Protein backbone atom coordinates (compact mmCIF):
# COMPACT_ATOMS: atom_id res chain seq x y z
CA MET A 1 85.29 -138.58 -97.95
CA ILE A 2 81.87 -140.21 -97.98
CA ASP A 3 79.17 -139.09 -95.56
CA GLU A 4 76.50 -141.78 -95.25
CA ASN A 5 74.13 -139.25 -93.63
CA ILE A 6 73.72 -137.36 -96.91
CA LYS A 7 70.86 -138.79 -98.96
CA PHE A 8 70.17 -138.40 -102.67
CA ILE A 9 66.51 -139.02 -103.53
CA LYS A 10 64.84 -139.14 -106.92
CA THR A 11 61.10 -138.64 -107.13
CA SER A 12 58.35 -137.76 -109.57
CA LEU A 13 56.03 -136.25 -106.97
CA SER A 14 54.63 -132.82 -107.70
CA LYS A 15 54.18 -131.95 -104.01
CA LEU A 16 57.41 -132.45 -102.11
CA SER A 17 56.30 -131.59 -98.60
CA GLY A 18 56.25 -135.22 -97.51
CA VAL A 19 59.66 -136.01 -98.96
CA GLN A 20 61.18 -132.80 -97.61
CA ASP A 21 59.78 -133.49 -94.15
CA ASP A 22 61.20 -137.00 -94.14
CA TYR A 23 64.59 -136.00 -95.61
CA PRO A 24 65.08 -132.34 -94.61
CA ASN A 25 68.77 -132.07 -95.56
CA SER A 26 68.84 -134.40 -98.54
CA PHE A 27 69.37 -133.81 -102.23
CA ILE A 28 65.98 -134.33 -103.85
CA TYR A 29 65.82 -134.67 -107.63
CA VAL A 30 62.35 -134.14 -109.06
CA HIS A 31 61.68 -135.40 -112.54
CA ASN A 32 58.21 -135.55 -114.03
CA GLU A 33 56.29 -134.29 -117.04
CA ASN A 34 56.30 -130.67 -115.85
CA ASP A 35 59.30 -130.52 -113.57
CA ASP A 36 63.01 -131.17 -113.70
CA ASN A 37 64.70 -129.60 -110.70
CA LEU A 38 67.10 -130.34 -107.89
CA TYR A 39 66.49 -129.32 -104.27
CA ILE A 40 68.39 -129.30 -101.03
CA GLY A 41 65.51 -129.68 -98.65
CA GLU A 42 63.09 -126.89 -99.60
CA ASP A 43 65.67 -124.82 -101.53
CA ARG A 44 65.65 -125.34 -105.26
CA ILE A 45 69.19 -125.11 -106.58
CA THR A 46 68.66 -125.68 -110.28
CA ASP A 47 68.21 -122.51 -112.35
CA ASN A 48 67.04 -123.43 -115.83
CA LEU A 49 64.12 -121.94 -117.74
CA ASN A 50 61.88 -124.80 -118.80
CA VAL A 51 58.97 -123.86 -121.04
CA GLY A 52 58.51 -127.28 -122.58
CA ASP A 53 57.75 -127.43 -126.28
CA MET A 54 56.58 -123.81 -126.54
CA ASP A 55 57.26 -122.28 -129.97
CA SER A 56 60.72 -120.67 -129.73
CA SER A 57 59.78 -117.95 -132.21
CA ILE A 58 57.09 -116.43 -129.97
CA ALA A 59 57.99 -112.83 -129.14
CA THR A 60 58.41 -111.67 -125.56
CA TYR A 61 57.89 -108.21 -124.10
CA ALA A 62 60.18 -105.84 -122.28
CA VAL A 63 59.85 -106.23 -118.51
CA GLY A 64 61.87 -103.86 -116.38
CA GLY A 65 65.35 -103.97 -117.87
CA LEU A 66 64.67 -107.19 -119.82
CA LYS A 67 64.58 -106.31 -123.51
CA PRO A 68 62.06 -107.76 -125.98
CA SER A 69 63.26 -111.02 -127.50
CA THR A 70 61.84 -114.50 -128.22
CA ILE A 71 61.16 -117.61 -126.16
CA GLY A 72 64.13 -119.25 -127.87
CA GLN A 73 66.47 -116.48 -126.70
CA LEU A 74 65.07 -116.67 -123.17
CA LYS A 75 65.69 -120.44 -123.05
CA GLU A 76 69.39 -119.71 -123.46
CA LYS A 77 69.35 -117.84 -120.13
CA SER A 78 68.97 -119.10 -116.59
CA MET A 79 66.13 -117.86 -114.42
CA SER A 80 68.64 -115.90 -112.35
CA GLU A 81 69.89 -114.14 -115.48
CA ILE A 82 66.35 -113.29 -116.57
CA ILE A 83 65.41 -111.92 -113.15
CA LEU A 84 68.65 -109.96 -112.96
CA ASP A 85 67.96 -108.42 -116.36
CA MET A 86 64.50 -107.38 -115.20
CA VAL A 87 65.40 -105.84 -111.85
CA CYS A 88 69.02 -104.82 -112.43
CA PRO A 89 69.79 -104.07 -116.10
CA VAL A 90 73.31 -103.09 -117.11
CA ILE A 91 73.65 -99.30 -117.04
CA GLU A 92 76.75 -97.98 -118.74
CA PRO A 93 78.68 -95.29 -116.87
CA THR A 94 77.83 -91.65 -117.51
CA HIS A 95 80.04 -88.67 -116.76
CA THR A 96 80.42 -84.94 -116.34
CA ASN A 97 83.07 -83.42 -118.59
CA SER A 98 86.32 -81.87 -117.50
CA THR A 99 85.94 -78.09 -117.61
CA ILE A 100 87.78 -74.82 -117.13
CA THR A 101 85.79 -71.73 -116.13
CA VAL A 102 86.96 -68.12 -116.04
CA SER A 103 85.14 -65.63 -113.81
CA TYR A 104 85.58 -61.88 -113.35
CA SER A 105 83.87 -59.59 -110.84
CA GLY A 106 84.89 -56.28 -112.42
CA ASP A 107 82.90 -54.03 -114.75
CA ARG A 108 82.27 -55.38 -118.25
CA ILE A 109 81.79 -51.88 -119.72
CA ILE A 110 84.54 -49.38 -118.90
CA GLU A 111 85.48 -45.87 -119.99
CA VAL A 112 88.21 -45.35 -122.57
CA GLY A 113 91.49 -44.75 -120.74
CA SER A 114 90.58 -46.94 -117.76
CA THR A 115 93.19 -49.45 -116.63
CA LEU A 116 92.57 -52.92 -118.03
CA PRO A 117 92.66 -55.83 -115.58
CA SER A 118 95.67 -58.06 -115.04
CA GLY A 119 95.59 -61.84 -115.07
CA GLU A 120 95.37 -61.87 -111.27
CA ASP A 121 91.95 -60.19 -111.46
CA PHE A 122 90.42 -63.34 -112.96
CA VAL A 123 89.53 -66.56 -111.14
CA VAL A 124 90.17 -69.79 -113.04
CA THR A 125 88.30 -72.88 -111.85
CA VAL A 126 89.25 -76.32 -113.16
CA ASN A 127 87.05 -79.40 -112.77
CA ASN A 128 88.36 -82.83 -113.74
CA GLY A 129 84.86 -84.24 -114.17
CA VAL A 130 83.69 -87.56 -112.77
CA TRP A 131 82.13 -90.84 -113.89
CA SER A 132 78.90 -92.04 -112.31
CA ASP A 133 80.82 -94.66 -110.29
CA GLY A 134 83.07 -91.96 -108.80
CA THR A 135 86.05 -92.53 -111.08
CA PRO A 136 87.67 -89.21 -112.14
CA TYR A 137 86.84 -88.43 -115.78
CA ALA A 138 90.22 -86.74 -116.31
CA GLY A 139 93.34 -87.72 -114.40
CA GLY A 140 94.39 -84.13 -113.71
CA SER A 141 95.02 -80.73 -115.24
CA GLU A 142 98.16 -79.06 -116.50
CA GLU A 143 99.24 -76.22 -118.82
CA ILE A 144 96.52 -73.81 -117.69
CA SER A 145 96.65 -70.55 -119.67
CA LEU A 146 94.72 -67.27 -119.71
CA VAL A 147 94.71 -65.04 -122.79
CA MET A 148 93.52 -61.46 -123.42
CA ASN A 149 92.90 -60.43 -127.01
CA PRO A 150 94.43 -58.02 -127.81
CA ALA A 151 97.08 -58.71 -125.19
CA GLU A 152 97.07 -55.45 -123.24
CA TRP A 153 97.02 -56.64 -119.62
CA GLY A 154 97.08 -53.66 -117.26
CA ASN A 155 97.30 -51.04 -120.04
CA GLU A 156 94.99 -48.07 -120.57
CA SER A 157 92.01 -49.22 -122.58
CA GLU A 158 91.20 -48.07 -126.09
CA GLU A 159 87.75 -47.82 -127.70
CA ARG A 160 87.20 -51.51 -128.47
CA THR A 161 86.15 -54.87 -127.05
CA TYR A 162 88.66 -57.09 -125.26
CA THR A 163 88.15 -60.82 -124.83
CA ILE A 164 89.62 -62.99 -122.09
CA SER A 165 89.51 -66.77 -122.22
CA GLY A 166 91.37 -69.71 -120.78
CA SER A 167 92.40 -73.22 -121.73
CA CYS A 168 93.68 -76.28 -119.94
CA VAL A 169 95.31 -79.55 -120.98
CA PHE A 170 93.78 -82.48 -119.08
CA THR A 171 95.55 -85.80 -118.61
CA GLU A 172 93.98 -89.18 -119.34
CA GLY A 173 91.36 -90.37 -116.89
CA GLY A 174 90.48 -93.58 -115.12
CA ILE A 175 88.50 -96.60 -116.28
CA PRO A 176 84.85 -96.45 -115.15
CA ASN A 177 82.67 -99.39 -114.09
CA ASP A 178 79.03 -99.97 -114.90
CA ASN A 179 76.48 -100.73 -112.19
CA HIS A 180 77.54 -104.41 -112.27
CA ASN A 181 81.13 -103.34 -111.53
CA LYS A 182 82.24 -104.34 -115.00
CA PRO A 183 85.09 -102.10 -116.24
CA HIS A 184 84.73 -100.20 -119.53
CA PRO A 185 88.23 -99.37 -120.78
CA GLU A 186 86.80 -98.30 -124.15
CA LEU A 187 85.17 -95.30 -122.45
CA LYS A 188 88.36 -94.02 -120.85
CA TYR A 189 89.06 -90.33 -121.50
CA GLN A 190 92.39 -89.96 -123.31
CA GLY A 191 93.05 -86.37 -122.26
CA GLY A 192 93.23 -83.21 -124.34
CA LEU A 193 92.83 -79.45 -124.57
CA VAL A 194 89.64 -77.87 -123.18
CA SER A 195 88.70 -74.21 -123.70
CA SER A 196 86.87 -72.01 -121.21
CA ASN A 197 84.04 -69.53 -121.51
CA THR A 198 84.90 -66.06 -122.85
CA ILE A 199 84.78 -62.84 -120.82
CA THR A 200 84.27 -59.60 -122.77
CA ILE A 201 85.22 -56.14 -121.54
CA THR A 202 84.06 -53.27 -123.73
CA SER A 203 85.79 -49.90 -123.52
CA VAL A 204 83.64 -46.99 -124.69
CA LYS A 205 83.58 -43.23 -124.57
CA PRO A 206 80.89 -41.75 -122.31
CA ILE A 207 77.61 -40.25 -123.42
CA TYR A 208 76.34 -37.20 -121.51
CA ILE A 209 72.62 -36.54 -121.02
CA ASN A 210 70.73 -34.01 -118.88
CA ASP A 211 70.43 -34.84 -115.20
CA GLY A 212 67.04 -36.19 -114.18
CA GLN A 213 66.83 -33.74 -111.28
CA THR A 214 68.46 -30.56 -112.64
CA ILE A 215 68.32 -30.09 -116.40
CA THR A 216 71.38 -27.80 -116.43
CA ASN A 217 73.54 -30.64 -115.10
CA PHE A 218 74.65 -33.72 -117.04
CA VAL A 219 75.00 -37.40 -116.23
CA LYS A 220 77.68 -39.64 -117.74
CA HIS A 221 76.40 -42.90 -119.27
CA LEU A 222 78.59 -45.87 -120.24
CA VAL A 223 76.80 -48.17 -122.69
CA ASN A 224 77.97 -50.68 -125.26
CA TYR A 225 77.04 -48.70 -128.35
CA ASN A 226 78.86 -51.17 -130.63
CA SER A 227 75.51 -52.91 -130.86
CA SER A 228 72.09 -51.28 -130.78
CA VAL A 229 71.30 -50.02 -127.28
CA ASN A 230 68.47 -48.08 -125.67
CA ILE A 231 68.82 -45.48 -122.91
CA ASP A 232 65.68 -44.51 -121.00
CA VAL A 233 65.79 -41.14 -119.24
CA THR A 234 63.39 -38.85 -117.43
CA ILE A 235 64.11 -35.16 -117.99
CA PRO A 236 62.78 -32.36 -115.74
CA GLU A 237 61.05 -29.25 -117.08
CA GLU A 238 63.19 -27.21 -119.43
CA VAL A 239 64.26 -23.84 -118.01
CA GLU A 240 65.30 -20.37 -119.17
CA THR A 241 68.81 -19.33 -118.04
CA PRO A 242 68.35 -16.77 -119.71
CA GLU A 243 67.70 -18.81 -122.88
CA VAL A 244 65.67 -21.99 -122.81
CA THR A 245 67.84 -24.92 -121.72
CA LYS A 246 66.48 -27.81 -123.70
CA PHE A 247 66.98 -31.55 -123.78
CA THR A 248 70.64 -32.13 -124.75
CA VAL A 249 72.78 -35.19 -125.60
CA TYR A 250 76.58 -35.27 -126.10
CA LEU A 251 77.76 -38.11 -128.36
CA PRO A 252 81.42 -39.10 -128.88
CA GLY A 253 81.42 -38.72 -132.66
CA GLU A 254 79.12 -39.76 -135.45
CA PHE A 255 76.68 -42.64 -134.89
CA THR A 256 75.01 -44.74 -137.58
CA THR A 257 71.87 -44.78 -135.41
CA PHE A 258 70.74 -41.95 -133.16
CA THR A 259 67.02 -41.54 -132.61
CA VAL A 260 65.05 -39.97 -129.76
CA ASN A 261 61.41 -40.81 -129.03
CA GLN A 262 59.23 -39.19 -126.39
CA TYR A 263 56.75 -41.06 -124.24
CA ASN A 264 53.13 -40.59 -125.32
CA PRO A 265 50.70 -41.01 -122.39
CA LEU A 266 47.78 -41.35 -124.80
CA THR A 267 49.19 -44.51 -126.38
CA ASP A 268 51.47 -45.61 -123.51
CA LYS A 269 54.29 -45.88 -126.07
CA TYR A 270 57.42 -44.00 -127.09
CA ASP A 271 55.99 -43.02 -130.45
CA ILE A 272 56.65 -39.26 -130.63
CA SER A 273 59.76 -38.78 -132.75
CA ILE A 274 61.96 -35.91 -131.49
CA PRO A 275 64.31 -34.11 -133.93
CA MET A 276 67.79 -33.46 -132.53
CA LYS A 277 70.05 -30.81 -134.13
CA ALA A 278 73.86 -30.91 -134.00
CA TYR A 279 75.74 -27.91 -132.60
CA GLU A 280 79.34 -26.99 -131.97
CA SER A 281 80.31 -28.74 -128.77
CA ASP A 282 81.87 -27.36 -125.62
CA ARG A 283 83.22 -30.86 -124.89
CA GLU A 284 86.28 -31.83 -126.91
CA GLY A 285 85.74 -34.90 -129.10
CA PHE A 286 81.93 -34.76 -128.74
CA ILE A 287 79.02 -33.62 -130.87
CA LYS A 288 76.32 -31.68 -129.02
CA TYR A 289 72.70 -32.47 -129.96
CA ILE A 290 69.80 -30.31 -128.76
CA ARG A 291 66.07 -30.91 -129.06
CA ASP A 292 65.05 -28.97 -132.20
CA ASP A 293 61.47 -27.77 -131.78
CA GLY A 294 61.75 -24.00 -131.46
CA GLY A 295 61.84 -22.07 -128.21
CA THR A 296 58.86 -23.70 -126.50
CA LYS A 297 59.63 -25.08 -123.07
CA VAL A 298 58.81 -28.75 -122.46
CA LEU A 299 57.57 -30.03 -119.11
CA GLU A 300 59.05 -33.08 -117.39
CA THR A 301 58.94 -36.00 -119.79
CA GLN A 302 60.48 -39.35 -120.62
CA TYR A 303 62.66 -40.22 -123.60
CA LYS A 304 63.98 -43.39 -125.17
CA ILE A 305 67.31 -42.93 -126.98
CA ASN A 306 68.43 -45.58 -129.47
CA LEU A 307 72.14 -45.64 -130.35
CA ARG A 308 74.58 -47.57 -132.45
CA LYS A 309 78.00 -46.44 -133.56
């Protein structure tokens, strides 16, 4: 169909206002020394980059998302492509990984003989992960398992450290898109086994130390003495009942490290080494250590005990 009302005009004018006013809806082709474009009225519809005879090897700079290149490389792109590169560069999808997390609200240090937890005492949280465009990183989760090492769920604990960890097999995920909605099948997660964090529960025998209020009483301490540990205590004045009751520590057996240092107010440090002498214990399975400095009573003071079995 031919519409005689549509005009096609060729001109070499640099200023088109007169032509556009006279032919507002016409195709206007402008061709001169510095211009080679096609318009519909005032709207230019051609999209080429025309830099004349400029040296194609001249380097260009990065502008926005437009990477450094040369004039020759830019001439291979349209103006729309160049502008799009500057203001909207391609950003490949990013993601958060699929994860499995094990949490436990119970005590991490327990006394020997305490009942170990069962699998129901742990909370397992699975996260499929997600791509930046909202696509799930993993398709789903299956074969979730929880393992205690050694496997003594619900038994009475022994003097050792127990570890609890989980794992999950994730299925393959979806195909993510970049910010231009272009799919990236090469980035698709293929699925696999993912391990969780590890929970440790340490079962120890107690350590007994004088009460901070009444020196003739004792307080039970549960500490992980499998690695070096410090216990800070404040001990009241030693008393005579009828003999002097002195600073005393009960340890469950021999320790490779057992040192006691008293606080020194002159130096504001625990730099007074206190000798402790072993005695026959009135607690089965324990060694009784008493401050070994003669019969002199000691006023209220602070001690730092360093232990390692």
